[in-house]
């Protein structure tokens, strides 16, 4: 059972078992692939117990896919795929009134933002991915990286769930309440709630 983050002796400590860490790390890896799709995958580190546990539980994301191809049918007839709307959640447009100016600004800045977010996700993944027990202990920089990484994951997952306005969550929770317990939407919303709770505990611990 997860325990939220608390500050202890200058570090940020929580309890996450292998399944919970595998879920969070798997989703962060999917977001990293989204923000830097041409990135070379990390090499296998050779029999790490954590990686074996994750692999045995069904792979990256624990059954929650953030990939755009898993959300909508593939386009046919040679029509180019539109920009993934999740990217616009992570990299919001700089000018909603002028599409050309927004596109020019994105061309100038997005590559650097992608690299920065990728490095941040790498830090968060590394901090969670190689632990010997259920205790998570982060220094300040790792804690900040994890807060930001969880924000990006929640933005992408929220986009996949259709959460775009403050009252959308209440509407989706009402719709989900009528679904079977094994429906993927029920699980995805539970994951979103878990990530929100985890991020809130860490953000609170980071406050002065």
N, C-alpha and C. Protein backbone atom coordinates (compact mmCIF):
# COMPACT_ATOMS: atom_id res chain seq x y z
N UNK A 1 0.85 -1.19 0.00
CA UNK A 1 0.00 0.00 0.00
C UNK A 1 0.89 1.24 0.00
N UNK A 2 0.62 2.13 -0.92
CA UNK A 2 1.44 3.32 -1.07
C UNK A 2 1.26 4.26 0.12
N UNK A 3 2.35 4.91 0.46
CA UNK A 3 2.32 6.00 1.43
C UNK A 3 2.90 7.23 0.77
N UNK A 4 2.23 8.36 0.94
CA UNK A 4 2.63 9.58 0.27
C UNK A 4 3.95 10.14 0.79
N UNK A 5 4.45 11.13 0.07
CA UNK A 5 5.74 11.72 0.39
C UNK A 5 5.68 12.59 1.64
N UNK A 6 6.75 12.50 2.41
CA UNK A 6 6.97 13.39 3.55
C UNK A 6 8.44 13.79 3.55
N UNK A 7 8.71 14.96 4.10
CA UNK A 7 10.09 15.43 4.18
C UNK A 7 10.71 14.95 5.48
N UNK A 8 11.84 14.27 5.35
CA UNK A 8 12.53 13.74 6.52
C UNK A 8 14.03 13.95 6.35
N UNK A 9 14.59 14.73 7.25
CA UNK A 9 16.03 14.98 7.27
C UNK A 9 16.55 15.43 5.90
N UNK A 10 15.82 16.36 5.31
CA UNK A 10 16.24 16.94 4.05
C UNK A 10 15.95 16.12 2.82
N UNK A 11 15.32 14.96 2.97
CA UNK A 11 14.97 14.13 1.82
C UNK A 11 13.45 13.95 1.78
N UNK A 12 12.98 13.47 0.64
CA UNK A 12 11.54 13.32 0.41
C UNK A 12 11.26 11.83 0.28
N UNK A 13 10.54 11.30 1.25
CA UNK A 13 10.43 9.86 1.43
C UNK A 13 8.98 9.42 1.25
N UNK A 14 8.79 8.32 0.54
CA UNK A 14 7.48 7.71 0.34
C UNK A 14 7.64 6.20 0.30
N UNK A 15 6.51 5.51 0.22
CA UNK A 15 6.52 4.06 0.10
C UNK A 15 5.71 3.67 -1.12
N UNK A 16 6.37 3.01 -2.07
CA UNK A 16 5.71 2.52 -3.29
C UNK A 16 6.23 1.11 -3.55
N UNK A 17 5.32 0.17 -3.73
CA UNK A 17 5.78 -1.19 -4.03
C UNK A 17 6.17 -1.28 -5.51
N UNK A 18 6.64 -2.45 -5.91
CA UNK A 18 7.14 -2.63 -7.27
C UNK A 18 6.06 -2.39 -8.32
N UNK A 19 4.82 -2.80 -8.03
CA UNK A 19 3.73 -2.59 -8.98
C UNK A 19 3.45 -1.11 -9.15
N UNK A 20 3.39 -0.38 -8.04
CA UNK A 20 3.10 1.06 -8.10
C UNK A 20 4.22 1.81 -8.81
N UNK A 21 5.46 1.46 -8.48
CA UNK A 21 6.58 2.11 -9.15
C UNK A 21 6.61 1.75 -10.63
N UNK A 22 6.31 0.48 -10.94
CA UNK A 22 6.27 0.07 -12.35
C UNK A 22 5.24 0.84 -13.14
N UNK A 23 4.10 1.10 -12.52
CA UNK A 23 3.05 1.87 -13.18
C UNK A 23 3.52 3.28 -13.47
N UNK A 24 4.06 3.96 -12.46
CA UNK A 24 4.50 5.34 -12.63
C UNK A 24 5.64 5.44 -13.63
N UNK A 25 6.63 4.57 -13.49
CA UNK A 25 7.77 4.59 -14.41
C UNK A 25 7.32 4.28 -15.84
N UNK A 26 6.45 3.30 -15.99
CA UNK A 26 5.98 2.94 -17.33
C UNK A 26 5.28 4.09 -18.02
N UNK A 27 4.45 4.82 -17.29
CA UNK A 27 3.75 5.97 -17.89
C UNK A 27 4.72 7.09 -18.21
N UNK A 28 5.71 7.32 -17.35
CA UNK A 28 6.70 8.35 -17.64
C UNK A 28 7.52 7.97 -18.87
N UNK A 29 7.80 6.69 -19.06
CA UNK A 29 8.52 6.26 -20.24
C UNK A 29 7.70 6.51 -21.51
N UNK A 30 6.40 6.31 -21.43
CA UNK A 30 5.55 6.60 -22.58
C UNK A 30 5.53 8.08 -22.91
N UNK A 31 5.48 8.92 -21.88
CA UNK A 31 5.49 10.37 -22.11
C UNK A 31 6.84 10.79 -22.68
N UNK A 32 7.93 10.20 -22.18
CA UNK A 32 9.25 10.50 -22.74
C UNK A 32 9.29 10.17 -24.22
N UNK A 33 8.71 9.04 -24.61
CA UNK A 33 8.68 8.68 -26.03
C UNK A 33 7.85 9.67 -26.83
N UNK A 34 6.80 10.21 -26.21
CA UNK A 34 5.94 11.18 -26.89
C UNK A 34 6.67 12.50 -27.11
N UNK A 35 7.37 12.99 -26.10
CA UNK A 35 8.02 14.29 -26.24
C UNK A 35 9.31 14.21 -27.04
N UNK A 36 9.92 13.00 -27.13
CA UNK A 36 11.11 12.83 -27.95
C UNK A 36 11.00 11.51 -28.70
N UNK A 37 10.13 11.46 -29.70
CA UNK A 37 9.84 10.19 -30.37
C UNK A 37 11.03 9.55 -31.03
N UNK A 38 12.07 10.32 -31.39
CA UNK A 38 13.23 9.74 -32.06
C UNK A 38 14.29 9.27 -31.08
N UNK A 39 14.01 9.37 -29.78
CA UNK A 39 15.01 8.99 -28.79
C UNK A 39 15.31 7.50 -28.89
N UNK A 40 16.57 7.14 -28.68
CA UNK A 40 16.98 5.74 -28.67
C UNK A 40 16.57 5.12 -27.35
N UNK A 41 15.87 3.98 -27.34
CA UNK A 41 15.46 3.35 -26.09
C UNK A 41 16.65 3.02 -25.21
N UNK A 42 16.42 3.05 -23.90
CA UNK A 42 17.47 2.69 -22.96
C UNK A 42 17.87 1.23 -23.15
N UNK A 43 19.15 0.91 -23.09
CA UNK A 43 19.58 -0.48 -23.21
C UNK A 43 19.15 -1.30 -22.01
N UNK A 44 19.03 -2.60 -22.22
CA UNK A 44 18.71 -3.49 -21.11
C UNK A 44 19.85 -3.47 -20.10
N UNK A 45 19.52 -3.43 -18.82
CA UNK A 45 20.58 -3.38 -17.83
C UNK A 45 20.91 -4.75 -17.26
N UNK A 46 20.34 -5.81 -17.88
CA UNK A 46 20.81 -7.16 -17.57
C UNK A 46 20.25 -7.78 -16.32
N UNK A 47 18.98 -8.20 -16.37
CA UNK A 47 18.45 -9.03 -15.31
C UNK A 47 18.05 -8.29 -14.05
N UNK A 48 17.81 -6.98 -14.14
CA UNK A 48 17.39 -6.25 -12.96
C UNK A 48 16.05 -6.78 -12.47
N UNK A 49 15.93 -7.00 -11.18
CA UNK A 49 14.72 -7.60 -10.62
C UNK A 49 13.51 -6.73 -10.88
N UNK A 50 13.67 -5.42 -10.75
CA UNK A 50 12.55 -4.51 -10.98
C UNK A 50 12.04 -4.63 -12.41
N UNK A 51 12.96 -4.67 -13.38
CA UNK A 51 12.55 -4.80 -14.78
C UNK A 51 11.82 -6.12 -15.03
N UNK A 52 12.27 -7.19 -14.37
CA UNK A 52 11.58 -8.47 -14.55
C UNK A 52 10.17 -8.42 -13.99
N UNK A 53 9.99 -7.74 -12.87
CA UNK A 53 8.65 -7.62 -12.28
C UNK A 53 7.74 -6.85 -13.22
N UNK A 54 8.24 -5.72 -13.75
CA UNK A 54 7.44 -4.92 -14.67
C UNK A 54 7.07 -5.72 -15.91
N UNK A 55 8.04 -6.44 -16.46
CA UNK A 55 7.78 -7.23 -17.67
C UNK A 55 6.72 -8.29 -17.40
N UNK A 56 6.76 -8.88 -16.21
CA UNK A 56 5.79 -9.91 -15.88
C UNK A 56 4.40 -9.39 -15.64
N UNK A 57 4.27 -8.09 -15.46
CA UNK A 57 2.96 -7.50 -15.20
C UNK A 57 2.33 -6.92 -16.46
N UNK A 58 2.93 -7.18 -17.59
CA UNK A 58 2.27 -6.77 -18.83
C UNK A 58 2.93 -5.60 -19.52
N UNK A 59 4.10 -5.20 -19.07
CA UNK A 59 4.85 -4.20 -19.82
C UNK A 59 4.58 -2.78 -19.38
N UNK A 60 5.08 -1.88 -20.19
CA UNK A 60 5.07 -0.46 -19.87
C UNK A 60 3.66 0.04 -19.64
N UNK A 61 3.45 0.75 -18.53
CA UNK A 61 2.18 1.39 -18.27
C UNK A 61 1.17 0.54 -17.55
N UNK A 62 1.47 -0.75 -17.34
CA UNK A 62 0.57 -1.63 -16.61
C UNK A 62 -0.86 -1.62 -17.17
N UNK A 63 -0.99 -1.65 -18.49
CA UNK A 63 -2.32 -1.71 -19.09
C UNK A 63 -2.91 -0.37 -19.44
N UNK A 64 -2.23 0.73 -19.13
CA UNK A 64 -2.70 2.06 -19.51
C UNK A 64 -1.79 2.58 -20.60
N UNK A 65 -2.31 2.70 -21.82
CA UNK A 65 -1.51 3.18 -22.94
C UNK A 65 -1.77 4.66 -23.16
N UNK A 66 -0.70 5.43 -23.28
CA UNK A 66 -0.80 6.85 -23.60
C UNK A 66 -0.51 7.13 -25.06
N UNK A 67 -0.22 6.09 -25.84
CA UNK A 67 0.10 6.27 -27.25
C UNK A 67 -1.12 6.74 -28.02
N UNK A 68 -0.91 7.69 -28.91
CA UNK A 68 -2.03 8.23 -29.70
C UNK A 68 -2.68 7.16 -30.56
N UNK A 69 -1.87 6.23 -31.09
CA UNK A 69 -2.40 5.19 -31.97
C UNK A 69 -3.38 4.27 -31.25
N UNK A 70 -3.27 4.20 -29.93
CA UNK A 70 -4.18 3.35 -29.16
C UNK A 70 -5.46 4.07 -28.76
N UNK A 71 -5.55 5.36 -29.11
CA UNK A 71 -6.73 6.14 -28.72
C UNK A 71 -7.73 6.29 -29.85
N UNK A 72 -7.24 6.40 -31.08
CA UNK A 72 -8.11 6.64 -32.23
C UNK A 72 -7.72 5.69 -33.35
N UNK A 73 -8.65 5.38 -34.29
CA UNK A 73 -8.31 4.53 -35.43
C UNK A 73 -7.23 5.18 -36.28
N UNK A 74 -6.38 4.35 -36.88
CA UNK A 74 -5.33 4.87 -37.74
C UNK A 74 -5.94 5.47 -39.00
N UNK A 75 -5.34 6.56 -39.49
CA UNK A 75 -5.79 7.18 -40.73
C UNK A 75 -5.31 6.34 -41.90
N UNK A 76 -6.10 6.33 -42.96
CA UNK A 76 -5.75 5.55 -44.15
C UNK A 76 -5.71 6.47 -45.36
N UNK A 77 -5.31 5.90 -46.49
CA UNK A 77 -5.29 6.66 -47.72
C UNK A 77 -4.14 7.63 -47.84
N UNK A 78 -3.10 7.47 -47.04
CA UNK A 78 -1.95 8.35 -47.16
C UNK A 78 -2.14 9.71 -46.53
N UNK A 79 -3.21 9.90 -45.78
CA UNK A 79 -3.46 11.18 -45.14
C UNK A 79 -2.53 11.32 -43.95
N UNK A 80 -1.74 12.40 -43.84
CA UNK A 80 -0.82 12.55 -42.71
C UNK A 80 -1.57 12.70 -41.40
N UNK A 81 -1.04 12.06 -40.37
CA UNK A 81 -1.68 12.14 -39.07
C UNK A 81 -1.57 13.54 -38.50
N UNK A 82 -2.63 14.05 -37.88
CA UNK A 82 -2.55 15.39 -37.28
C UNK A 82 -1.66 15.36 -36.06
N UNK A 83 -1.26 16.54 -35.62
CA UNK A 83 -0.44 16.65 -34.43
C UNK A 83 -1.20 16.08 -33.24
N UNK A 84 -0.53 15.28 -32.45
CA UNK A 84 -1.14 14.67 -31.27
C UNK A 84 -1.60 15.78 -30.32
N UNK A 85 -2.89 15.84 -29.99
CA UNK A 85 -3.37 16.90 -29.09
C UNK A 85 -2.71 16.88 -27.72
N UNK A 86 -2.19 15.72 -27.31
CA UNK A 86 -1.50 15.67 -26.02
C UNK A 86 -0.26 16.54 -26.03
N UNK A 87 0.38 16.68 -27.20
CA UNK A 87 1.55 17.55 -27.28
C UNK A 87 1.17 19.00 -27.03
N UNK A 88 -0.02 19.38 -27.45
CA UNK A 88 -0.46 20.75 -27.21
C UNK A 88 -0.81 20.99 -25.75
N UNK A 89 -1.07 19.92 -25.02
CA UNK A 89 -1.27 20.07 -23.58
C UNK A 89 0.07 20.27 -22.87
N UNK A 90 1.09 19.54 -23.33
CA UNK A 90 2.42 19.65 -22.73
C UNK A 90 3.13 20.91 -23.20
N UNK A 91 2.96 21.24 -24.49
CA UNK A 91 3.58 22.43 -25.07
C UNK A 91 2.46 23.35 -25.57
N UNK A 92 1.79 24.08 -24.68
CA UNK A 92 0.65 24.90 -25.10
C UNK A 92 1.07 26.01 -26.06
N UNK A 93 0.14 26.37 -26.95
CA UNK A 93 0.42 27.38 -27.95
C UNK A 93 0.69 28.72 -27.30
N UNK A 94 1.62 29.47 -27.88
CA UNK A 94 2.00 30.77 -27.32
C UNK A 94 1.05 31.87 -27.73
N UNK A 95 0.30 31.67 -28.81
CA UNK A 95 -0.60 32.71 -29.30
C UNK A 95 -1.82 32.06 -29.92
N UNK A 96 -2.93 32.09 -29.21
CA UNK A 96 -4.15 31.42 -29.69
C UNK A 96 -4.87 32.23 -30.77
N UNK A 97 -4.51 33.50 -30.93
CA UNK A 97 -5.18 34.34 -31.92
C UNK A 97 -4.48 34.33 -33.28
N UNK A 98 -3.21 33.95 -33.31
CA UNK A 98 -2.43 33.99 -34.55
C UNK A 98 -1.74 32.65 -34.73
N UNK A 99 -2.31 31.81 -35.59
CA UNK A 99 -1.77 30.46 -35.79
C UNK A 99 -0.36 30.50 -36.38
N UNK A 100 -0.10 31.44 -37.31
CA UNK A 100 1.21 31.50 -37.93
C UNK A 100 2.28 31.90 -36.91
N UNK A 101 1.97 32.88 -36.07
CA UNK A 101 2.93 33.29 -35.05
C UNK A 101 3.16 32.17 -34.05
N UNK A 102 2.09 31.46 -33.70
CA UNK A 102 2.22 30.35 -32.76
C UNK A 102 3.11 29.26 -33.35
N UNK A 103 2.93 28.97 -34.66
CA UNK A 103 3.73 27.94 -35.31
C UNK A 103 5.20 28.34 -35.37
N UNK A 104 5.46 29.62 -35.65
CA UNK A 104 6.85 30.09 -35.71
C UNK A 104 7.50 30.02 -34.33
N UNK A 105 6.75 30.40 -33.30
CA UNK A 105 7.29 30.35 -31.95
C UNK A 105 7.58 28.90 -31.54
N UNK A 106 6.67 28.00 -31.91
CA UNK A 106 6.87 26.59 -31.59
C UNK A 106 8.12 26.06 -32.29
N UNK A 107 8.32 26.44 -33.53
CA UNK A 107 9.49 25.97 -34.27
C UNK A 107 10.78 26.42 -33.61
N UNK A 108 10.77 27.60 -33.01
CA UNK A 108 11.97 28.14 -32.39
C UNK A 108 12.23 27.55 -31.00
N UNK A 109 11.18 27.18 -30.30
CA UNK A 109 11.34 26.84 -28.87
C UNK A 109 11.09 25.38 -28.53
N UNK A 110 10.30 24.67 -29.33
CA UNK A 110 9.84 23.36 -28.88
C UNK A 110 10.96 22.34 -28.78
N UNK A 111 11.94 22.41 -29.65
CA UNK A 111 13.03 21.43 -29.60
C UNK A 111 13.75 21.52 -28.25
N UNK A 112 14.03 22.73 -27.80
CA UNK A 112 14.68 22.90 -26.50
C UNK A 112 13.81 22.43 -25.36
N UNK A 113 12.51 22.72 -25.45
CA UNK A 113 11.58 22.28 -24.40
C UNK A 113 11.49 20.76 -24.36
N UNK A 114 11.49 20.13 -25.54
CA UNK A 114 11.45 18.66 -25.58
C UNK A 114 12.69 18.07 -24.91
N UNK A 115 13.85 18.65 -25.21
CA UNK A 115 15.09 18.14 -24.61
C UNK A 115 15.06 18.31 -23.09
N UNK A 116 14.56 19.46 -22.63
CA UNK A 116 14.51 19.70 -21.19
C UNK A 116 13.55 18.75 -20.49
N UNK A 117 12.39 18.54 -21.09
CA UNK A 117 11.43 17.62 -20.49
C UNK A 117 11.94 16.18 -20.50
N UNK A 118 12.65 15.82 -21.57
CA UNK A 118 13.21 14.48 -21.64
C UNK A 118 14.23 14.26 -20.53
N UNK A 119 15.10 15.25 -20.32
CA UNK A 119 16.09 15.13 -19.23
C UNK A 119 15.39 15.04 -17.88
N UNK A 120 14.34 15.81 -17.70
CA UNK A 120 13.61 15.78 -16.44
C UNK A 120 12.96 14.42 -16.21
N UNK A 121 12.35 13.87 -17.26
CA UNK A 121 11.74 12.54 -17.16
C UNK A 121 12.79 11.48 -16.88
N UNK A 122 13.97 11.61 -17.51
CA UNK A 122 15.06 10.67 -17.25
C UNK A 122 15.44 10.68 -15.78
N UNK A 123 15.51 11.88 -15.20
CA UNK A 123 15.86 11.99 -13.78
C UNK A 123 14.81 11.31 -12.91
N UNK A 124 13.54 11.55 -13.20
CA UNK A 124 12.46 10.97 -12.40
C UNK A 124 12.42 9.45 -12.56
N UNK A 125 12.59 8.97 -13.79
CA UNK A 125 12.58 7.52 -14.04
C UNK A 125 13.73 6.85 -13.31
N UNK A 126 14.90 7.45 -13.39
CA UNK A 126 16.07 6.88 -12.72
C UNK A 126 15.87 6.85 -11.21
N UNK A 127 15.25 7.88 -10.65
CA UNK A 127 15.05 7.95 -9.21
C UNK A 127 14.11 6.86 -8.71
N UNK A 128 13.14 6.46 -9.54
CA UNK A 128 12.16 5.46 -9.11
C UNK A 128 12.49 4.05 -9.59
N UNK A 129 13.29 3.93 -10.63
CA UNK A 129 13.42 2.65 -11.32
C UNK A 129 14.43 1.69 -10.76
N UNK A 130 15.26 2.13 -9.84
CA UNK A 130 16.32 1.24 -9.35
C UNK A 130 16.38 1.28 -7.82
N UNK A 131 15.33 0.81 -7.21
CA UNK A 131 15.25 0.77 -5.75
C UNK A 131 15.24 -0.68 -5.29
N UNK A 132 15.86 -0.92 -4.17
CA UNK A 132 15.96 -2.29 -3.67
C UNK A 132 14.76 -2.69 -2.82
N UNK A 133 14.03 -1.73 -2.31
CA UNK A 133 12.86 -2.06 -1.49
C UNK A 133 11.76 -1.07 -1.81
N UNK A 134 10.75 -1.00 -0.98
CA UNK A 134 9.60 -0.15 -1.25
C UNK A 134 9.83 1.31 -0.87
N UNK A 135 10.91 1.61 -0.20
CA UNK A 135 11.16 2.97 0.23
C UNK A 135 11.69 3.82 -0.92
N UNK A 136 11.05 4.96 -1.15
CA UNK A 136 11.50 5.94 -2.13
C UNK A 136 12.09 7.11 -1.35
N UNK A 137 13.33 7.45 -1.63
CA UNK A 137 14.00 8.55 -0.94
C UNK A 137 14.67 9.43 -1.99
N UNK A 138 14.20 10.67 -2.11
CA UNK A 138 14.66 11.57 -3.16
C UNK A 138 15.36 12.78 -2.56
N UNK A 139 16.38 13.27 -3.27
CA UNK A 139 16.92 14.57 -2.89
C UNK A 139 16.04 15.65 -3.51
N UNK A 140 16.40 16.92 -3.27
CA UNK A 140 15.52 18.01 -3.71
C UNK A 140 15.37 18.03 -5.23
N UNK A 141 16.48 17.90 -5.96
CA UNK A 141 16.40 17.96 -7.42
C UNK A 141 15.57 16.81 -7.98
N UNK A 142 15.71 15.63 -7.43
CA UNK A 142 14.91 14.49 -7.88
C UNK A 142 13.43 14.70 -7.58
N UNK A 143 13.14 15.29 -6.42
CA UNK A 143 11.75 15.54 -6.04
C UNK A 143 11.10 16.54 -6.99
N UNK A 144 11.83 17.60 -7.32
CA UNK A 144 11.29 18.59 -8.26
C UNK A 144 11.08 17.96 -9.62
N UNK A 145 12.03 17.14 -10.06
CA UNK A 145 11.89 16.47 -11.36
C UNK A 145 10.67 15.56 -11.37
N UNK A 146 10.42 14.87 -10.26
CA UNK A 146 9.27 13.96 -10.22
C UNK A 146 7.96 14.74 -10.22
N UNK A 147 7.88 15.86 -9.53
CA UNK A 147 6.67 16.68 -9.55
C UNK A 147 6.35 17.12 -10.98
N UNK A 148 7.36 17.60 -11.68
CA UNK A 148 7.15 18.07 -13.06
C UNK A 148 6.79 16.91 -13.98
N UNK A 149 7.48 15.77 -13.80
CA UNK A 149 7.19 14.60 -14.63
C UNK A 149 5.76 14.11 -14.41
N UNK A 150 5.31 14.11 -13.16
CA UNK A 150 3.93 13.70 -12.88
C UNK A 150 2.93 14.67 -13.51
N UNK A 151 3.28 15.94 -13.55
CA UNK A 151 2.41 16.91 -14.23
C UNK A 151 2.26 16.54 -15.70
N UNK A 152 3.38 16.23 -16.36
CA UNK A 152 3.32 15.88 -17.79
C UNK A 152 2.52 14.59 -18.01
N UNK A 153 2.72 13.60 -17.15
CA UNK A 153 1.97 12.35 -17.28
C UNK A 153 0.48 12.61 -17.10
N UNK A 154 0.13 13.41 -16.11
CA UNK A 154 -1.29 13.70 -15.85
C UNK A 154 -1.91 14.50 -17.00
N UNK A 155 -1.14 15.39 -17.61
CA UNK A 155 -1.66 16.14 -18.75
C UNK A 155 -1.98 15.21 -19.92
N UNK A 156 -1.07 14.28 -20.20
CA UNK A 156 -1.29 13.35 -21.31
C UNK A 156 -2.44 12.40 -20.99
N UNK A 157 -2.43 11.82 -19.80
CA UNK A 157 -3.51 10.91 -19.43
C UNK A 157 -4.84 11.64 -19.37
N UNK A 158 -4.83 12.87 -18.88
CA UNK A 158 -6.06 13.67 -18.86
C UNK A 158 -6.59 13.93 -20.25
N UNK A 159 -5.69 14.19 -21.20
CA UNK A 159 -6.12 14.38 -22.59
C UNK A 159 -6.73 13.10 -23.14
N UNK A 160 -6.13 11.96 -22.84
CA UNK A 160 -6.68 10.69 -23.33
C UNK A 160 -8.05 10.39 -22.70
N UNK A 161 -8.23 10.84 -21.47
CA UNK A 161 -9.51 10.62 -20.79
C UNK A 161 -10.56 11.67 -21.17
N UNK A 162 -10.13 12.75 -21.81
CA UNK A 162 -11.06 13.82 -22.16
C UNK A 162 -11.20 14.87 -21.08
N UNK A 163 -10.20 14.96 -20.19
CA UNK A 163 -10.23 15.96 -19.12
C UNK A 163 -9.57 17.24 -19.62
N UNK A 164 -10.40 18.21 -20.01
CA UNK A 164 -9.87 19.46 -20.55
C UNK A 164 -10.34 20.68 -19.79
N UNK A 165 -11.38 20.51 -18.98
CA UNK A 165 -11.87 21.60 -18.15
C UNK A 165 -12.07 21.09 -16.72
N UNK A 166 -12.19 22.03 -15.79
CA UNK A 166 -12.25 21.67 -14.38
C UNK A 166 -13.41 20.72 -14.07
N UNK A 167 -14.54 20.90 -14.74
CA UNK A 167 -15.70 20.08 -14.40
C UNK A 167 -15.75 18.77 -15.19
N UNK A 168 -14.77 18.55 -16.07
CA UNK A 168 -14.75 17.31 -16.84
C UNK A 168 -14.54 16.09 -15.95
N UNK A 169 -13.74 16.25 -14.89
CA UNK A 169 -13.46 15.12 -14.01
C UNK A 169 -14.73 14.61 -13.34
N UNK A 170 -15.57 15.53 -12.87
CA UNK A 170 -16.83 15.12 -12.25
C UNK A 170 -17.72 14.39 -13.25
N UNK A 171 -17.74 14.88 -14.49
CA UNK A 171 -18.57 14.25 -15.51
C UNK A 171 -18.08 12.85 -15.82
N UNK A 172 -16.76 12.69 -15.96
CA UNK A 172 -16.20 11.37 -16.28
C UNK A 172 -16.40 10.41 -15.12
N UNK A 173 -16.22 10.88 -13.89
CA UNK A 173 -16.45 10.02 -12.73
C UNK A 173 -17.90 9.55 -12.69
N UNK A 174 -18.83 10.41 -13.07
CA UNK A 174 -20.24 10.02 -13.11
C UNK A 174 -20.48 8.96 -14.18
N UNK A 175 -19.85 9.14 -15.35
CA UNK A 175 -20.00 8.15 -16.42
C UNK A 175 -19.36 6.82 -16.04
N UNK A 176 -18.19 6.88 -15.41
CA UNK A 176 -17.47 5.67 -15.05
C UNK A 176 -18.22 4.87 -13.99
N UNK A 177 -18.97 5.55 -13.14
CA UNK A 177 -19.68 4.86 -12.06
C UNK A 177 -20.67 3.82 -12.57
N UNK A 178 -21.08 3.94 -13.83
CA UNK A 178 -22.04 2.99 -14.40
C UNK A 178 -21.36 1.86 -15.17
N UNK A 179 -20.03 1.88 -15.23
CA UNK A 179 -19.30 0.86 -15.99
C UNK A 179 -18.92 -0.31 -15.10
N UNK A 180 -18.60 -1.44 -15.75
CA UNK A 180 -18.14 -2.60 -15.00
C UNK A 180 -16.77 -2.32 -14.40
N UNK A 181 -16.45 -3.00 -13.31
CA UNK A 181 -15.20 -2.75 -12.60
C UNK A 181 -13.98 -3.05 -13.45
N UNK A 182 -14.11 -3.99 -14.41
CA UNK A 182 -12.96 -4.35 -15.24
C UNK A 182 -12.88 -3.54 -16.53
N UNK A 183 -13.70 -2.50 -16.66
CA UNK A 183 -13.64 -1.65 -17.84
C UNK A 183 -12.34 -0.85 -17.82
N UNK A 184 -11.62 -0.75 -18.95
CA UNK A 184 -10.36 -0.01 -18.98
C UNK A 184 -10.49 1.44 -18.53
N UNK A 185 -11.64 2.06 -18.80
CA UNK A 185 -11.83 3.46 -18.40
C UNK A 185 -11.84 3.61 -16.89
N UNK A 186 -12.37 2.62 -16.20
CA UNK A 186 -12.39 2.65 -14.73
C UNK A 186 -10.96 2.60 -14.20
N UNK A 187 -10.16 1.71 -14.77
CA UNK A 187 -8.77 1.57 -14.33
C UNK A 187 -7.98 2.83 -14.65
N UNK A 188 -8.17 3.40 -15.85
CA UNK A 188 -7.43 4.59 -16.25
C UNK A 188 -7.74 5.77 -15.33
N UNK A 189 -9.01 5.91 -14.96
CA UNK A 189 -9.37 7.00 -14.05
C UNK A 189 -8.80 6.77 -12.66
N UNK A 190 -8.77 5.51 -12.21
CA UNK A 190 -8.16 5.20 -10.92
C UNK A 190 -6.67 5.54 -10.94
N UNK A 191 -6.01 5.27 -12.07
CA UNK A 191 -4.59 5.61 -12.21
C UNK A 191 -4.41 7.12 -12.15
N UNK A 192 -5.28 7.85 -12.82
CA UNK A 192 -5.21 9.31 -12.80
C UNK A 192 -5.36 9.84 -11.37
N UNK A 193 -6.30 9.30 -10.64
CA UNK A 193 -6.50 9.71 -9.24
C UNK A 193 -5.27 9.39 -8.39
N UNK A 194 -4.66 8.22 -8.63
CA UNK A 194 -3.46 7.84 -7.89
C UNK A 194 -2.31 8.79 -8.17
N UNK A 195 -2.10 9.13 -9.44
CA UNK A 195 -1.03 10.05 -9.80
C UNK A 195 -1.27 11.43 -9.19
N UNK A 196 -2.54 11.86 -9.18
CA UNK A 196 -2.87 13.16 -8.59
C UNK A 196 -2.54 13.17 -7.10
N UNK A 197 -2.95 12.12 -6.42
CA UNK A 197 -2.66 12.02 -4.98
C UNK A 197 -1.15 12.01 -4.72
N UNK A 198 -0.41 11.21 -5.49
CA UNK A 198 1.03 11.10 -5.28
C UNK A 198 1.71 12.45 -5.51
N UNK A 199 1.31 13.14 -6.56
CA UNK A 199 1.90 14.44 -6.85
C UNK A 199 1.57 15.46 -5.76
N UNK A 200 0.35 15.44 -5.27
CA UNK A 200 -0.05 16.39 -4.23
C UNK A 200 0.76 16.18 -2.96
N UNK A 201 1.01 14.92 -2.59
CA UNK A 201 1.79 14.68 -1.37
C UNK A 201 3.22 15.18 -1.54
N UNK A 202 3.81 15.00 -2.72
CA UNK A 202 5.17 15.46 -2.95
C UNK A 202 5.23 16.98 -3.03
N UNK A 203 4.27 17.59 -3.70
CA UNK A 203 4.25 19.05 -3.80
C UNK A 203 4.10 19.67 -2.40
N UNK A 204 3.27 19.07 -1.57
CA UNK A 204 3.09 19.58 -0.20
C UNK A 204 4.38 19.42 0.59
N UNK A 205 5.08 18.30 0.41
CA UNK A 205 6.34 18.09 1.13
C UNK A 205 7.41 19.08 0.69
N UNK A 206 7.34 19.55 -0.55
CA UNK A 206 8.33 20.48 -1.07
C UNK A 206 8.10 21.92 -0.59
N UNK A 207 6.93 22.20 -0.05
CA UNK A 207 6.66 23.55 0.43
C UNK A 207 7.59 23.90 1.59
N UNK A 208 7.99 25.16 1.70
CA UNK A 208 8.86 25.55 2.82
C UNK A 208 8.21 25.27 4.16
